[in-house]
Amino acid sequence: MEITELRTYILQPPLSGELGDARAAVAERYWVVVELDTDAGLTGTGWLGTWTIPDLYERYLRGFEDLLVGSDPLAIEARRREMRERALYYPGEVGFAALPRSAVDVALWDLKAKAAGQPLYALLGGDGSAVPAYCSRLDATVPTDDLGEHHAPYAEAGFTAFKTKVGGRPLDEDVRRVDEVREAVGSRAELFVDANQSWTVNEAVRGARAISEHDVGWIEEPISEWNLDGHRRVTNRMDAPLAAGEMFYRPERFEWLLSRGALDVVQPDLLRGGGVSALREVAALAATHHVPFVPHIHYPVSAHLVNAAATGSYVEYIPEYDATDVLVDAPEIRDGEVVLSEEPGHGYAVSEAAREAFGVSFD
C-alpha cells in the first residue's frame, strides 16, 4: 500500500463565546485537517486545533507531501523519523513543528487500523468498552455566581467527574469558585482543578491546602512546565495528586518527572506530544510507574488510547470543543462516557457538511 495524495484544509467551527483559563482567553478556534489517500482505496484522517496561524500550519503540513506520497503508510516509525529529521534544525523539533507531525501520525494510525480491519483501540490492545470522561469547562471567564448552573447540566447528564479553572485571582475567590462547583456536581463526584501554570511553588502549596476541604482529585499544572524540580517540591508538600503534561513535547519529560516521584497523573496532549505513536510511549511510562494516564483533550482519538492503556483512567471532554458538528458519526457521549466507534481506524472523518459550513481559506 502506498500513499497517493496528501490533502489539507482549514475549518473554523463557531465557539459559544469567549473561553479561557488563568493565562489566556480566546473567541475563535480552527481545525487544520490532513487526509492521506492510498492506492488501496483507504483514507487516513488527522487534524490539529489552533487559536491562531492556521494557514501556517496548513502550509507546513503540505511540506511533508514529498516525504509521504509514494511511501508505505504502515511503516509509521520510518515516516515519523523522516518528519522529525526534517524539523530538526528549522523550525525545530518541538513547538510549532510538533503539531503538524502529530496530525500526520494520527492519520497514519487511522490507515494502519483500517488496513487491519480493526478499530484503533483493538489494534492498540483495548477491549472496546466505553471510556469514562470528565467534563472539563473552560470557565475562567464565567462569574463565580454562575458557575453552578454552568456545571450542573453535565451532572444531570450523567458525568461523575468534573474540572474547573483556578489561578489568576485572589485565593479566597478561587476557594469560593471551587465551592460553587462542588455544590453543583455533588459530594460524590470527582472534582479536579486546573491552574494552567499560574502559581509559584509556594502559591501552589497554599492553594492546594485551601481547597483541600472540597476533596479535590488532582491539582493540574499548578506551576511552570519549565520548573522541573519545582514539581518534586510541590508533590512533597501537598496532599492532592499533581497532574501535568499537556505542554510536554517529548516523552522524556514525563520519564524525568516520574522517575523522581514528581508527577502523579500524566496528561500528554495528542498533538503537542507526538500523536498516537508518542502517547503509546507515555502510556507505557505511566504503567511502569503505576500512575493514571489521562490525555489532554482530543477525545475522539484519545479515547482509543485510554481504553488500550494499562493505567488509562479518563478522557477529557470539553463541551466547548465538542466535535459533533465537524465529524461524521462523532463519538457519542453517554452517561459521562465516550462510546468508542466500532469502525476500522479511529472511526471519524470530517463531514462534507462541516467543510461547506466552516471551511475557510487564507490563500
Foldseek 3Di string as FASTA:
>chain_A
DAFADKDKFKFKDFFPAWFAFLPDIAGTKMKIKIWTADPVRDIFIFIDMDRDDSVVLNVLLVVCGVVGGGDDLQVLVVSLVVLQVVPPVPPHNADPSQQSQQRSSQRSLLVNLVVVFFASLVVLPFDQFWFFAEEEESCPVPDLVCLLVVQQVVLVQQHQEYEDHDANDDLVSRLSSLVSNCVNNDLRGAYAYEHQARAALVVLLVSLVSNVVSVHQEYENPHDLPPLVSLVVNVVRHDHFYEYACQDQELVSVVVCLVSVRHAEYAYECRSHRHPVRLLVNLVSCVVSVHAYEYDAPPLQVRSVLRSRPRRHHYYDYPSPQCPLFWDCGFDQHSRTTRADRGGGSHIDGDPNSCVVTTDDDD
